[in-house]
C-alpha atoms as a PDB file:
ATOM      1  CA  MET A   1      75.254 105.756  98.688  1.00  0.00           C
ATOM      2  CA  ARG A   2      76.927 108.676 100.811  1.00  0.00           C
ATOM      3  CA  SER A   3      80.408 109.467 101.608  1.00  0.00           C
ATOM      4  CA  ALA A   4      80.049 108.709 105.135  1.00  0.00           C
ATOM      5  CA  ASP A   5      78.378 105.538 104.186  1.00  0.00           C
ATOM      6  CA  LEU A   6      81.399 104.747 101.956  1.00  0.00           C
ATOM      7  CA  ALA A   7      84.155 105.516 104.965  1.00  0.00           C
ATOM      8  CA  ALA A   8      82.440 102.828 106.713  1.00  0.00           C
ATOM      9  CA  LEU A   9      82.371 100.383 104.425  1.00  0.00           C
ATOM     10  CA  ARG A  10      84.803  97.390 104.609  1.00  0.00           C
ATOM     11  CA  ILE A  11      86.481  94.674 102.794  1.00  0.00           C
ATOM     12  CA  ALA A  12      85.448  91.944 105.113  1.00  0.00           C
ATOM     13  CA  ASP A  13      81.566  93.373 104.612  1.00  0.00           C
ATOM     14  CA  LEU A  14      81.919  92.759 100.846  1.00  0.00           C
ATOM     15  CA  VAL A  15      84.146  89.702 100.299  1.00  0.00           C
ATOM     16  CA  ASP A  16      84.616  86.523 101.690  1.00  0.00           C
ATOM     17  CA  ARG A  17      88.066  85.376 102.747  1.00  0.00           C
ATOM     18  CA  ASP A  18      87.932  82.208 100.958  1.00  0.00           C
ATOM     19  CA  GLU A  19      86.994  84.179  97.408  1.00  0.00           C
ATOM     20  CA  ALA A  20      89.517  87.046  98.002  1.00  0.00           C
ATOM     21  CA  ALA A  21      92.305  83.911  98.480  1.00  0.00           C
ATOM     22  CA  GLN A  22      91.253  81.999  95.017  1.00  0.00           C
ATOM     23  CA  ALA A  23      90.770  85.294  93.166  1.00  0.00           C
ATOM     24  CA  ALA A  24      94.470  86.172  94.122  1.00  0.00           C
ATOM     25  CA  ILE A  25      95.591  82.941  93.347  1.00  0.00           C
ATOM     26  CA  GLU A  26      93.996  83.016  90.087  1.00  0.00           C
ATOM     27  CA  LEU A  27      95.098  86.613  89.388  1.00  0.00           C
ATOM     28  CA  TYR A  28      98.790  86.245  90.775  1.00  0.00           C
ATOM     29  CA  GLY A  29      99.552  82.922  90.769  1.00  0.00           C
ATOM     30  CA  MET A  30     102.779  81.932  92.844  1.00  0.00           C
ATOM     31  CA  GLU A  31     102.744  85.628  93.676  1.00  0.00           C
ATOM     32  CA  ALA A  32      99.543  85.543  95.495  1.00  0.00           C
ATOM     33  CA  PRO A  33     100.923  85.783  98.928  1.00  0.00           C
ATOM     34  CA  THR A  34     103.274  88.546  98.046  1.00  0.00           C
ATOM     35  CA  ALA A  35      99.980  90.264  96.380  1.00  0.00           C
ATOM     36  CA  VAL A  36      97.712  90.013  99.711  1.00  0.00           C
ATOM     37  CA  ALA A  37     100.407  91.100 101.811  1.00  0.00           C
ATOM     38  CA  HIS A  38     101.095  94.063 100.033  1.00  0.00           C
ATOM     39  CA  SER A  39      97.026  94.841 100.269  1.00  0.00           C
ATOM     40  CA  ALA A  40      97.489  94.338 104.188  1.00  0.00           C
ATOM     41  CA  LEU A  41     100.202  96.760 104.409  1.00  0.00           C
ATOM     42  CA  GLU A  42      98.682  99.246 102.104  1.00  0.00           C
ATOM     43  CA  ALA A  43      95.362  98.876 104.450  1.00  0.00           C
ATOM     44  CA  HIS A  44      97.501  99.229 107.888  1.00  0.00           C
ATOM     45  CA  PHE A  45      99.454 102.616 106.580  1.00  0.00           C
ATOM     46  CA  ASP A  46      95.990 104.069 105.152  1.00  0.00           C
ATOM     47  CA  GLY A  47      94.743 103.447 109.050  1.00  0.00           C
ATOM     48  CA  ARG A  48      92.004 100.717 108.006  1.00  0.00           C
ATOM     49  CA  PRO A  49      92.643  98.242 110.692  1.00  0.00           C
ATOM     50  CA  ASP A  50      89.412  95.772 109.987  1.00  0.00           C
ATOM     51  CA  ASP A  51      90.846  95.642 106.274  1.00  0.00           C
ATOM     52  CA  TYR A  52      94.344  94.992 107.593  1.00  0.00           C
ATOM     53  CA  ARG A  53      92.938  92.052 109.520  1.00  0.00           C
ATOM     54  CA  PHE A  54      91.007  90.852 106.615  1.00  0.00           C
ATOM     55  CA  TRP A  55      94.255  90.731 104.103  1.00  0.00           C
ATOM     56  CA  CYS A  56      95.930  89.142 106.961  1.00  0.00           C
ATOM     57  CA  ASP A  57      93.746  86.359 107.021  1.00  0.00           C
ATOM     58  CA  VAL A  58      93.938  85.694 103.662  1.00  0.00           C
ATOM     59  CA  PHE A  59      97.583  85.942 103.532  1.00  0.00           C
ATOM     60  CA  HIS A  60      97.747  83.196 106.362  1.00  0.00           C
ATOM     61  CA  GLN A  61      95.263  81.210 104.277  1.00  0.00           C
ATOM     62  CA  LEU A  62      97.205  81.181 101.561  1.00  0.00           C
ATOM     63  CA  ARG A  63     100.439  80.360 103.139  1.00  0.00           C
ATOM     64  CA  LYS A  64      98.712  76.936 104.848  1.00  0.00           C
ATOM     65  CA  PRO A  65     100.212  73.993 103.123  1.00  0.00           C
ATOM     66  CA  ASN A  66      97.403  71.976 101.176  1.00  0.00           C
END
């Protein structure tokens, strides 16, 4: 893959939100929302708005009552 192709790649194109939430729970347990919020902030400050929105959506999904 060329570097120009990699620059256009978005996390939302590679990962399903439900799968990301489940993976975060499996990896971080009760700290999953914090880990996902950190990912959202990192994407925001890196100038990746699509990834930021993805992680915000995952965060909100994790915060929903079961």
